Amino acid sequence: MTTYFMDGGLLSSAWVNAVQIVVLLAGFSVAVPLVLSRAGGLAHVVSAPQVPATFTSVFHSAGPLSGWTLLIFAPAFVISPGLMQKAYGAANERAVRLGIGLQAVVLAFFAFAPPLLGMAARATHPGLTNPNIVLPMVLVEQLPPWFGALALAAVFSAEVSTCDAILFMLATSLSQDLYKRFLQPEADDREVLVVARLASLAGGIGGVVLALLLETVQSALAIFYALLGVSLLVPVVGGLYLRRAGAREALASIVAGNLTLHVARFALPQSLSWIDPTVAGLAASTAAFLLALAARSDNRHVRDRI
C-alpha cells in the first residue's frame, strides 16, 4: 500500500479504491446472507437465548467505546482531512457530488454488513471472548472456502482503502501545510513531492509499529478518531460559521483539546475514570476556541476606543 501510494499518489489511490469497492460489495453481498442463513436467520440471531437482553437495544452502552457512545466519533467522518483533500482533488463539481453521493451509499451498506457478521457470531459462538478471532471463525466455520476467501478480500479491501486515505492525509498535510507553508516557502513542486513521499513512507512504517503494539483494530481506530475529532471538529466548524475566527482560535482549540484528551486518558485518578476522554477533549476544545474568540473581540473593542 505504501509503495503504490508513494508512486502514484491520489490517482493511484482512486483507481485502486474503485476496484476495492467492487470486491467489497461482492464479498459482503455473498457472505452476509449465507452467514445469517446458517445462523438460523436474522430473527433467530437477535432472539437466540444465549444473547443478552440488551442485544437489540440501540440505546444500550457498556461504557466508552460501546454502543451509542461510538457516535462520539461521527464528526471525524465529516471533517476528516483525507475526505476533504480527495474532494478538492476532483476534476469538477459534478465529480465531487457524484463521488460523495456514491460514497455515502457504499458506506451505509458497509455500516451494516460487518456488524451483522458479528451478531451472527455472537449467537452461534456465545463463548467467544476475544474480538480478534470473531471474523476468522465466521469465515472458516460458517462459509465454504471460496466464499470465505471472497469475504476476507472484502474486509482487506476496506482496510486498504482506509490506509491509503490516511497516507494521503499525512503526506499532503506534512508536505503542503507544514513544510511548504512554514519551513520552506520557496520549495518547488519537485521538492514538495519528495517530502510528501518521505512522509507517506514514515506513515506506513508508523502504521506497522502501531499494529504490533495495539491489541485490536478498534483500539487503533479509537485513538485515531479521538485525535481527529478533538483536533479538527471545532476549528473547522468554527472557521466555517464564525467570520471573526482565525488561526489563533484554531490553535488554542487544538492545543486545549489534545492536552485534555491525553490527561483524561492517562492521568486521571481511578475515581474519575467515568469521564470519557474524547468528550472531555471536545469540551475543552470548544471552550478554548470561544475564549480565544472572546479575547479577540475585547482587543478589537479596545483598539476601536483608542
Foldseek 3Di string as FASTA:
>chain_A
DLVQCLVPPPVSLVVLLVVLLVLQCVLLVPQLVQLQVVLPHPVCLQVPPLDDPCSPPQPDAPADPGHPNVCLLVVCVVFPLLLVVVLVVDPDPVCSVVVVVVVVVSVVVVVPRVVSQVSSLCRVPVPDDQPVCSLVCSLPPRHPVVSSVSNVSSVVSVVVSVLSSVLSSQLCCCLPVPCCPPPNVPDDPVVSSVSSSVRSVVSVVVVVVVVVVDDDPSVVVVVVSLLSCQLTSCVVVCVVPPVQADDQLSVQSNVQLVVQLCCLVPPDDPVSVNDHSSVRSNVRSNVSSVVVSVVVVVVVVVVVVD
